[in-house]
Amino acid sequence: MLSDFGVLLLFILGAFAFIAVVLFAARLLRPNRPNVEKNSTYESGEEPIGNANVQFNIRFYVVALVFVLFDVELVFLFPWATVFGQASLIRASGGLWGWFALTEAFLFVAILGLGLAYVWAKGYLDWVKPQPKLPTAPTHIPPHLYDRVNDKYRSASAPSQA
């Protein structure tokens, strides 16, 4: 007979075995047709331009933090509504519990609205796509020679249409 820890170990081993089997089966069943488009890098659905080691606009992080803040705060309204919406508590307090809860909810949403107004007034929600600064180096080589080299390698890496 297995102890409780033995049963737990069997469940853990079973979980790892299940994951391994599913990943192996997916590898066998999935199509494998790589091409230039699939192997290219992308950033949020856009083609990358320039070096990857660039500084991001701070607004990206601010918008993400504001979203997380409001999302988490609004999630708290659901359990709050469940507790304060109980008819037995409202009946026991003669209706005062319901008015208190409603006032508290409006105050909470008003504070969130003030935070949103502050962020909006500061302009943190205005999304401005930064223009990348591509490095340039002084050279005496004409640009059309670079284009010829690039065209040569583009045509070599393109899949044949035969």
N, C-alpha and C. Protein backbone atom coordinates (compact mmCIF):
# COMPACT_ATOMS: atom_id res chain seq x y z
N MET A 1 0.84 -1.18 0.00
CA MET A 1 0.00 0.00 0.00
C MET A 1 0.88 1.24 0.00
N LEU A 2 0.50 2.22 -0.82
CA LEU A 2 1.27 3.46 -0.92
C LEU A 2 0.84 4.44 0.16
N SER A 3 1.81 5.19 0.62
CA SER A 3 1.47 6.26 1.56
C SER A 3 0.91 7.44 0.77
N ASP A 4 0.47 8.45 1.51
CA ASP A 4 -0.07 9.64 0.83
C ASP A 4 0.98 10.32 -0.04
N PHE A 5 2.23 10.30 0.41
CA PHE A 5 3.30 10.90 -0.39
C PHE A 5 3.58 10.08 -1.65
N GLY A 6 3.42 8.78 -1.55
CA GLY A 6 3.60 7.92 -2.72
C GLY A 6 2.54 8.20 -3.78
N VAL A 7 1.31 8.39 -3.34
CA VAL A 7 0.23 8.71 -4.28
C VAL A 7 0.50 10.07 -4.93
N LEU A 8 0.96 11.03 -4.14
CA LEU A 8 1.29 12.35 -4.67
C LEU A 8 2.42 12.25 -5.70
N LEU A 9 3.44 11.44 -5.39
CA LEU A 9 4.54 11.24 -6.33
C LEU A 9 4.05 10.59 -7.62
N LEU A 10 3.13 9.64 -7.52
CA LEU A 10 2.58 9.02 -8.73
C LEU A 10 1.81 10.03 -9.57
N PHE A 11 1.06 10.91 -8.94
CA PHE A 11 0.35 11.94 -9.69
C PHE A 11 1.33 12.89 -10.39
N ILE A 12 2.39 13.26 -9.70
CA ILE A 12 3.39 14.15 -10.31
C ILE A 12 4.07 13.46 -11.49
N LEU A 13 4.47 12.21 -11.31
CA LEU A 13 5.09 11.46 -12.41
C LEU A 13 4.12 11.27 -13.56
N GLY A 14 2.86 11.01 -13.26
CA GLY A 14 1.85 10.89 -14.30
C GLY A 14 1.66 12.19 -15.07
N ALA A 15 1.71 13.32 -14.36
CA ALA A 15 1.57 14.62 -15.03
C ALA A 15 2.73 14.85 -15.99
N PHE A 16 3.95 14.57 -15.53
CA PHE A 16 5.12 14.74 -16.42
C PHE A 16 5.05 13.77 -17.60
N ALA A 17 4.61 12.55 -17.37
CA ALA A 17 4.49 11.59 -18.48
C ALA A 17 3.43 12.05 -19.47
N PHE A 18 2.32 12.56 -18.98
CA PHE A 18 1.27 13.06 -19.86
C PHE A 18 1.79 14.22 -20.72
N ILE A 19 2.50 15.14 -20.10
CA ILE A 19 3.05 16.28 -20.84
C ILE A 19 4.03 15.79 -21.91
N ALA A 20 4.89 14.85 -21.56
CA ALA A 20 5.86 14.33 -22.53
C ALA A 20 5.16 13.63 -23.70
N VAL A 21 4.14 12.84 -23.42
CA VAL A 21 3.41 12.14 -24.48
C VAL A 21 2.69 13.13 -25.39
N VAL A 22 2.06 14.14 -24.81
CA VAL A 22 1.33 15.11 -25.61
C VAL A 22 2.30 15.91 -26.49
N LEU A 23 3.43 16.34 -25.95
CA LEU A 23 4.40 17.08 -26.75
C LEU A 23 4.99 16.21 -27.87
N PHE A 24 5.26 14.96 -27.57
CA PHE A 24 5.79 14.05 -28.59
C PHE A 24 4.76 13.81 -29.70
N ALA A 25 3.51 13.60 -29.32
CA ALA A 25 2.45 13.39 -30.32
C ALA A 25 2.26 14.65 -31.17
N ALA A 26 2.34 15.81 -30.56
CA ALA A 26 2.20 17.05 -31.32
C ALA A 26 3.35 17.21 -32.30
N ARG A 27 4.55 16.81 -31.90
CA ARG A 27 5.70 16.90 -32.80
C ARG A 27 5.53 15.97 -34.00
N LEU A 28 4.94 14.80 -33.78
CA LEU A 28 4.72 13.87 -34.88
C LEU A 28 3.61 14.34 -35.81
N LEU A 29 2.57 14.97 -35.29
CA LEU A 29 1.39 15.32 -36.08
C LEU A 29 1.47 16.68 -36.78
N ARG A 30 2.24 17.61 -36.22
CA ARG A 30 2.23 18.96 -36.78
C ARG A 30 2.99 19.03 -38.10
N PRO A 31 2.58 19.91 -38.99
CA PRO A 31 3.34 20.10 -40.23
C PRO A 31 4.62 20.89 -39.94
N ASN A 32 5.66 20.60 -40.68
CA ASN A 32 6.93 21.30 -40.51
C ASN A 32 7.33 21.86 -41.87
N ARG A 33 6.91 23.09 -42.16
CA ARG A 33 7.21 23.74 -43.42
C ARG A 33 7.79 25.12 -43.15
N PRO A 34 9.04 25.21 -42.73
CA PRO A 34 9.61 26.53 -42.46
C PRO A 34 9.83 27.31 -43.76
N ASN A 35 9.68 28.62 -43.68
CA ASN A 35 10.00 29.48 -44.81
C ASN A 35 10.55 30.80 -44.26
N VAL A 36 10.90 31.69 -45.16
CA VAL A 36 11.53 32.95 -44.75
C VAL A 36 10.59 33.76 -43.87
N GLU A 37 9.32 33.79 -44.24
CA GLU A 37 8.34 34.57 -43.48
C GLU A 37 8.17 34.04 -42.06
N LYS A 38 8.10 32.71 -41.92
CA LYS A 38 7.90 32.12 -40.59
C LYS A 38 9.15 32.26 -39.72
N ASN A 39 10.31 32.24 -40.34
CA ASN A 39 11.55 32.31 -39.56
C ASN A 39 11.98 33.74 -39.25
N SER A 40 11.29 34.72 -39.80
CA SER A 40 11.67 36.11 -39.52
C SER A 40 11.17 36.50 -38.13
N THR A 41 11.85 37.44 -37.53
CA THR A 41 11.44 37.92 -36.21
C THR A 41 10.38 38.99 -36.38
N TYR A 42 9.58 39.18 -35.34
CA TYR A 42 8.58 40.24 -35.35
C TYR A 42 8.39 40.72 -33.92
N GLU A 43 7.89 41.92 -33.80
CA GLU A 43 7.63 42.50 -32.50
C GLU A 43 6.20 43.04 -32.50
N SER A 44 5.33 42.38 -31.81
CA SER A 44 3.93 42.77 -31.70
C SER A 44 3.28 42.91 -33.07
N GLY A 45 3.61 42.00 -33.96
CA GLY A 45 3.00 42.00 -35.28
C GLY A 45 3.62 42.96 -36.27
N GLU A 46 4.69 43.63 -35.90
CA GLU A 46 5.33 44.57 -36.80
C GLU A 46 6.75 44.10 -37.10
N GLU A 47 7.21 44.44 -38.30
CA GLU A 47 8.57 44.08 -38.68
C GLU A 47 9.56 44.88 -37.83
N PRO A 48 10.58 44.22 -37.32
CA PRO A 48 11.57 44.96 -36.53
C PRO A 48 12.44 45.83 -37.44
N ILE A 49 12.78 47.00 -36.95
CA ILE A 49 13.62 47.93 -37.69
C ILE A 49 14.80 48.28 -36.79
N GLY A 50 15.97 48.11 -37.30
CA GLY A 50 17.16 48.52 -36.55
C GLY A 50 17.58 47.47 -35.53
N ASN A 51 18.40 47.91 -34.62
CA ASN A 51 18.98 47.06 -33.60
C ASN A 51 17.93 46.72 -32.53
N ALA A 52 18.03 45.53 -31.98
CA ALA A 52 17.08 45.12 -30.93
C ALA A 52 17.42 45.76 -29.59
N ASN A 53 18.61 46.26 -29.42
CA ASN A 53 19.03 46.86 -28.15
C ASN A 53 18.73 48.35 -28.15
N VAL A 54 17.45 48.69 -28.22
CA VAL A 54 17.04 50.08 -28.17
C VAL A 54 16.20 50.29 -26.93
N GLN A 55 16.13 51.52 -26.48
CA GLN A 55 15.31 51.81 -25.32
C GLN A 55 13.86 52.00 -25.75
N PHE A 56 12.96 51.37 -25.02
CA PHE A 56 11.54 51.52 -25.31
C PHE A 56 11.03 52.82 -24.71
N ASN A 57 9.99 53.32 -25.33
CA ASN A 57 9.34 54.50 -24.80
C ASN A 57 8.71 54.13 -23.45
N ILE A 58 8.89 54.98 -22.46
CA ILE A 58 8.41 54.70 -21.12
C ILE A 58 6.88 54.62 -21.09
N ARG A 59 6.21 55.20 -22.06
CA ARG A 59 4.75 55.16 -22.10
C ARG A 59 4.23 53.73 -22.25
N PHE A 60 5.01 52.88 -22.90
CA PHE A 60 4.60 51.48 -23.04
C PHE A 60 4.43 50.84 -21.66
N TYR A 61 5.39 51.06 -20.78
CA TYR A 61 5.33 50.49 -19.44
C TYR A 61 4.24 51.16 -18.61
N VAL A 62 4.07 52.46 -18.76
CA VAL A 62 3.04 53.16 -17.99
C VAL A 62 1.65 52.67 -18.38
N VAL A 63 1.40 52.51 -19.68
CA VAL A 63 0.09 52.01 -20.12
C VAL A 63 -0.13 50.60 -19.59
N ALA A 64 0.91 49.76 -19.62
CA ALA A 64 0.78 48.39 -19.11
C ALA A 64 0.47 48.40 -17.61
N LEU A 65 1.16 49.25 -16.85
CA LEU A 65 0.91 49.31 -15.41
C LEU A 65 -0.48 49.86 -15.10
N VAL A 66 -0.92 50.86 -15.86
CA VAL A 66 -2.26 51.41 -15.64
C VAL A 66 -3.30 50.34 -15.93
N PHE A 67 -3.10 49.58 -17.00
CA PHE A 67 -4.05 48.51 -17.32
C PHE A 67 -4.11 47.49 -16.19
N VAL A 68 -2.96 47.05 -15.71
CA VAL A 68 -2.94 46.06 -14.63
C VAL A 68 -3.60 46.63 -13.38
N LEU A 69 -3.32 47.89 -13.07
CA LEU A 69 -3.91 48.51 -11.89
C LEU A 69 -5.43 48.52 -11.97
N PHE A 70 -5.98 49.01 -13.06
CA PHE A 70 -7.44 49.07 -13.18
C PHE A 70 -8.06 47.70 -13.30
N ASP A 71 -7.38 46.80 -13.98
CA ASP A 71 -7.90 45.45 -14.12
C ASP A 71 -8.00 44.75 -12.77
N VAL A 72 -6.96 44.85 -11.98
CA VAL A 72 -6.95 44.20 -10.66
C VAL A 72 -7.97 44.85 -9.74
N GLU A 73 -8.05 46.16 -9.78
CA GLU A 73 -9.00 46.85 -8.90
C GLU A 73 -10.44 46.51 -9.26
N LEU A 74 -10.74 46.40 -10.54
CA LEU A 74 -12.11 46.06 -10.92
C LEU A 74 -12.44 44.61 -10.62
N VAL A 75 -11.44 43.75 -10.58
CA VAL A 75 -11.69 42.36 -10.21
C VAL A 75 -12.17 42.28 -8.76
N PHE A 76 -11.74 43.22 -7.93
CA PHE A 76 -12.16 43.22 -6.53
C PHE A 76 -13.65 43.55 -6.38
N LEU A 77 -14.28 44.13 -7.40
CA LEU A 77 -15.70 44.46 -7.29
C LEU A 77 -16.58 43.22 -7.27
N PHE A 78 -16.17 42.14 -7.91
CA PHE A 78 -17.01 40.95 -7.97
C PHE A 78 -17.19 40.28 -6.61
N PRO A 79 -16.11 39.96 -5.88
CA PRO A 79 -16.35 39.38 -4.55
C PRO A 79 -17.00 40.38 -3.60
N TRP A 80 -16.69 41.65 -3.76
CA TRP A 80 -17.30 42.67 -2.93
C TRP A 80 -18.82 42.68 -3.14
N ALA A 81 -19.25 42.63 -4.41
CA ALA A 81 -20.67 42.64 -4.72
C ALA A 81 -21.36 41.39 -4.18
N THR A 82 -20.64 40.27 -4.17
CA THR A 82 -21.22 39.04 -3.65
C THR A 82 -21.49 39.15 -2.15
N VAL A 83 -20.54 39.72 -1.42
CA VAL A 83 -20.70 39.84 0.04
C VAL A 83 -21.74 40.90 0.38
N PHE A 84 -21.64 42.07 -0.23
CA PHE A 84 -22.53 43.16 0.15
C PHE A 84 -23.92 43.06 -0.48
N GLY A 85 -24.12 42.14 -1.40
CA GLY A 85 -25.43 42.00 -2.03
C GLY A 85 -26.31 40.96 -1.36
N GLN A 86 -25.90 40.43 -0.23
CA GLN A 86 -26.69 39.40 0.45
C GLN A 86 -27.97 40.02 1.03
N ALA A 87 -29.08 39.45 0.63
CA ALA A 87 -30.38 39.99 1.07
C ALA A 87 -30.57 39.87 2.58
N SER A 88 -30.01 38.82 3.19
CA SER A 88 -30.19 38.66 4.64
C SER A 88 -29.50 39.78 5.41
N LEU A 89 -28.32 40.22 4.96
CA LEU A 89 -27.63 41.32 5.65
C LEU A 89 -28.38 42.63 5.46
N ILE A 90 -28.94 42.83 4.29
CA ILE A 90 -29.67 44.07 4.03
C ILE A 90 -30.94 44.11 4.88
N ARG A 91 -31.64 42.96 4.97
CA ARG A 91 -32.85 42.89 5.80
C ARG A 91 -32.53 43.10 7.27
N ALA A 92 -31.43 42.51 7.73
CA ALA A 92 -31.08 42.59 9.15
C ALA A 92 -30.71 44.02 9.56
N SER A 93 -30.21 44.82 8.64
CA SER A 93 -29.81 46.19 8.98
C SER A 93 -30.88 47.22 8.63
N GLY A 94 -32.03 46.74 8.18
CA GLY A 94 -33.10 47.67 7.84
C GLY A 94 -32.81 48.46 6.57
N GLY A 95 -32.00 47.93 5.69
CA GLY A 95 -31.68 48.60 4.42
C GLY A 95 -30.45 49.47 4.47
N LEU A 96 -29.92 49.73 5.67
CA LEU A 96 -28.73 50.59 5.77
C LEU A 96 -27.49 49.92 5.17
N TRP A 97 -27.44 48.62 5.31
CA TRP A 97 -26.29 47.88 4.76
C TRP A 97 -26.22 48.07 3.23
N GLY A 98 -27.35 48.01 2.56
CA GLY A 98 -27.38 48.18 1.12
C GLY A 98 -26.96 49.57 0.69
N TRP A 99 -27.46 50.62 1.41
CA TRP A 99 -27.06 51.99 1.08
C TRP A 99 -25.59 52.22 1.34
N PHE A 100 -25.08 51.66 2.45
CA PHE A 100 -23.65 51.78 2.75
C PHE A 100 -22.81 51.13 1.65
N ALA A 101 -23.23 49.93 1.23
CA ALA A 101 -22.49 49.22 0.19
C ALA A 101 -22.53 49.98 -1.13
N LEU A 102 -23.69 50.53 -1.48
CA LEU A 102 -23.81 51.27 -2.73
C LEU A 102 -22.95 52.54 -2.70
N THR A 103 -22.96 53.24 -1.57
CA THR A 103 -22.14 54.45 -1.43
C THR A 103 -20.66 54.08 -1.52
N GLU A 104 -20.28 53.02 -0.88
CA GLU A 104 -18.89 52.57 -0.92
C GLU A 104 -18.47 52.20 -2.35
N ALA A 105 -19.36 51.56 -3.08
CA ALA A 105 -19.05 51.17 -4.47
C ALA A 105 -18.87 52.41 -5.33
N PHE A 106 -19.77 53.39 -5.20
CA PHE A 106 -19.62 54.61 -5.98
C PHE A 106 -18.35 55.36 -5.62
N LEU A 107 -17.98 55.37 -4.35
CA LEU A 107 -16.74 56.01 -3.93
C LEU A 107 -15.52 55.31 -4.53
N PHE A 108 -15.54 54.00 -4.52
CA PHE A 108 -14.45 53.20 -5.10
C PHE A 108 -14.30 53.47 -6.59
N VAL A 109 -15.42 53.46 -7.31
CA VAL A 109 -15.38 53.70 -8.76
C VAL A 109 -14.98 55.16 -9.03
N ALA A 110 -15.39 56.09 -8.17
CA ALA A 110 -15.01 57.49 -8.35
C ALA A 110 -13.51 57.67 -8.19
N ILE A 111 -12.92 56.98 -7.21
CA ILE A 111 -11.46 57.06 -7.03
C ILE A 111 -10.75 56.48 -8.24
N LEU A 112 -11.26 55.36 -8.77
CA LEU A 112 -10.67 54.81 -9.99
C LEU A 112 -10.83 55.78 -11.16
N GLY A 113 -11.99 56.43 -11.23
CA GLY A 113 -12.21 57.42 -12.30
C GLY A 113 -11.26 58.61 -12.18
N LEU A 114 -11.00 59.05 -10.95
CA LEU A 114 -10.02 60.13 -10.75
C LEU A 114 -8.63 59.70 -11.20
N GLY A 115 -8.27 58.47 -10.89
CA GLY A 115 -6.98 57.97 -11.35
C GLY A 115 -6.89 57.91 -12.87
N LEU A 116 -7.98 57.47 -13.50
CA LEU A 116 -8.02 57.43 -14.96
C LEU A 116 -7.95 58.85 -15.54
N ALA A 117 -8.67 59.80 -14.94
CA ALA A 117 -8.63 61.18 -15.41
C ALA A 117 -7.22 61.76 -15.27
N TYR A 118 -6.55 61.45 -14.17
CA TYR A 118 -5.18 61.94 -13.97
C TYR A 118 -4.24 61.39 -15.05
N VAL A 119 -4.33 60.09 -15.31
CA VAL A 119 -3.47 59.47 -16.31
C VAL A 119 -3.79 60.04 -17.69
N TRP A 120 -5.07 60.25 -17.97
CA TRP A 120 -5.48 60.80 -19.26
C TRP A 120 -4.99 62.24 -19.41
N ALA A 121 -5.13 63.05 -18.34
CA ALA A 121 -4.69 64.46 -18.39
C ALA A 121 -3.18 64.57 -18.56
N LYS A 122 -2.45 63.66 -17.96
CA LYS A 122 -0.98 63.68 -18.10
C LYS A 122 -0.54 63.25 -19.50
N GLY A 123 -1.46 62.65 -20.27
CA GLY A 123 -1.12 62.21 -21.62
C GLY A 123 -0.49 60.84 -21.69
N TYR A 124 -0.59 60.07 -20.61
CA TYR A 124 0.03 58.75 -20.60
C TYR A 124 -0.72 57.75 -21.48
N LEU A 125 -1.96 58.05 -21.82
CA LEU A 125 -2.73 57.13 -22.66
C LEU A 125 -2.59 57.45 -24.15
N ASP A 126 -1.92 58.56 -24.48
CA ASP A 126 -1.68 58.89 -25.87
C ASP A 126 -0.54 58.03 -26.39
N TRP A 127 -0.86 57.23 -27.37
CA TRP A 127 0.15 56.31 -27.88
C TRP A 127 0.84 56.96 -29.06
N VAL A 128 2.12 57.22 -28.91
CA VAL A 128 2.92 57.80 -29.97
C VAL A 128 3.96 56.78 -30.37
N LYS A 129 3.90 56.36 -31.62
CA LYS A 129 4.86 55.36 -32.09
C LYS A 129 6.20 56.05 -32.32
N PRO A 130 7.23 55.65 -31.58
CA PRO A 130 8.53 56.30 -31.76
C PRO A 130 9.15 55.91 -33.09
N GLN A 131 9.82 56.86 -33.68
CA GLN A 131 10.53 56.59 -34.92
C GLN A 131 11.92 56.05 -34.56
N PRO A 132 12.27 54.89 -35.11
CA PRO A 132 13.58 54.33 -34.78
C PRO A 132 14.70 55.17 -35.37
N LYS A 133 15.78 55.28 -34.64
CA LYS A 133 16.95 56.00 -35.11
C LYS A 133 17.94 54.96 -35.64
N LEU A 134 18.03 54.88 -36.94
CA LEU A 134 18.94 53.93 -37.56
C LEU A 134 20.34 54.51 -37.56
N PRO A 135 21.32 53.71 -37.16
CA PRO A 135 22.69 54.22 -37.14
C PRO A 135 23.21 54.43 -38.56
N THR A 136 23.95 55.46 -38.74
CA THR A 136 24.56 55.73 -40.04
C THR A 136 26.06 55.87 -39.84
N ALA A 137 26.80 55.48 -40.86
CA ALA A 137 28.25 55.59 -40.82
C ALA A 137 28.70 56.26 -42.11
N PRO A 138 29.63 57.18 -42.01
CA PRO A 138 30.11 57.82 -43.24
C PRO A 138 30.85 56.80 -44.12
N THR A 139 30.52 56.79 -45.40
CA THR A 139 31.14 55.84 -46.31
C THR A 139 31.26 56.48 -47.69
N HIS A 140 32.21 55.99 -48.46
CA HIS A 140 32.41 56.49 -49.81
C HIS A 140 31.84 55.52 -50.85
N ILE A 141 31.16 54.48 -50.38
CA ILE A 141 30.58 53.49 -51.28
C ILE A 141 29.20 53.99 -51.70
N PRO A 142 28.91 54.00 -53.00
CA PRO A 142 27.59 54.48 -53.45
C PRO A 142 26.48 53.54 -52.97
N PRO A 143 25.30 54.09 -52.64
CA PRO A 143 24.20 53.26 -52.12
C PRO A 143 23.72 52.19 -53.10
N HIS A 144 23.83 52.43 -54.42
CA HIS A 144 23.32 51.43 -55.37
C HIS A 144 24.12 50.13 -55.30
N LEU A 145 25.37 50.18 -54.83
CA LEU A 145 26.13 48.94 -54.67
C LEU A 145 25.58 48.11 -53.50
N TYR A 146 25.17 48.77 -52.44
CA TYR A 146 24.53 48.07 -51.33
C TYR A 146 23.24 47.41 -51.78
N ASP A 147 22.47 48.14 -52.60
CA ASP A 147 21.21 47.58 -53.11
C ASP A 147 21.46 46.34 -53.96
N ARG A 148 22.52 46.34 -54.75
CA ARG A 148 22.83 45.17 -55.58
C ARG A 148 23.16 43.97 -54.71
N VAL A 149 23.95 44.17 -53.66
CA VAL A 149 24.31 43.08 -52.76
C VAL A 149 23.05 42.55 -52.04
N ASN A 150 22.21 43.47 -51.56
CA ASN A 150 20.98 43.05 -50.88
C ASN A 150 20.06 42.29 -51.81
N ASP A 151 19.92 42.76 -53.06
CA ASP A 151 19.08 42.06 -54.03
C ASP A 151 19.61 40.66 -54.31
N LYS A 152 20.93 40.53 -54.37
CA LYS A 152 21.54 39.23 -54.63
C LYS A 152 21.18 38.23 -53.52
N TYR A 153 21.29 38.66 -52.27
CA TYR A 153 21.00 37.75 -51.16
C TYR A 153 19.51 37.54 -50.97
N ARG A 154 18.68 38.55 -51.31
CA ARG A 154 17.24 38.35 -51.25
C ARG A 154 16.78 37.30 -52.23
N SER A 155 17.32 37.33 -53.44
CA SER A 155 16.91 36.36 -54.45
C SER A 155 17.44 34.97 -54.10
N ALA A 156 18.58 34.89 -53.43
CA ALA A 156 19.13 33.58 -53.05
C ALA A 156 18.35 32.95 -51.92
N SER A 157 17.78 33.77 -51.02
CA SER A 157 17.07 33.20 -49.88
C SER A 157 15.58 32.99 -50.17
N ALA A 158 15.08 33.54 -51.27
CA ALA A 158 13.66 33.35 -51.60
C ALA A 158 13.42 31.93 -52.08
N PRO A 159 12.30 31.30 -51.68
CA PRO A 159 12.02 29.93 -52.11
C PRO A 159 11.70 29.93 -53.60
N SER A 160 12.12 28.87 -54.26
CA SER A 160 11.87 28.78 -55.71
C SER A 160 10.40 28.46 -55.95
N GLN A 161 9.88 28.95 -57.04
CA GLN A 161 8.48 28.75 -57.40
C GLN A 161 8.29 27.64 -58.42
N ALA A 162 9.18 26.63 -58.45
CA ALA A 162 9.12 25.56 -59.43
C ALA A 162 8.07 24.56 -59.10
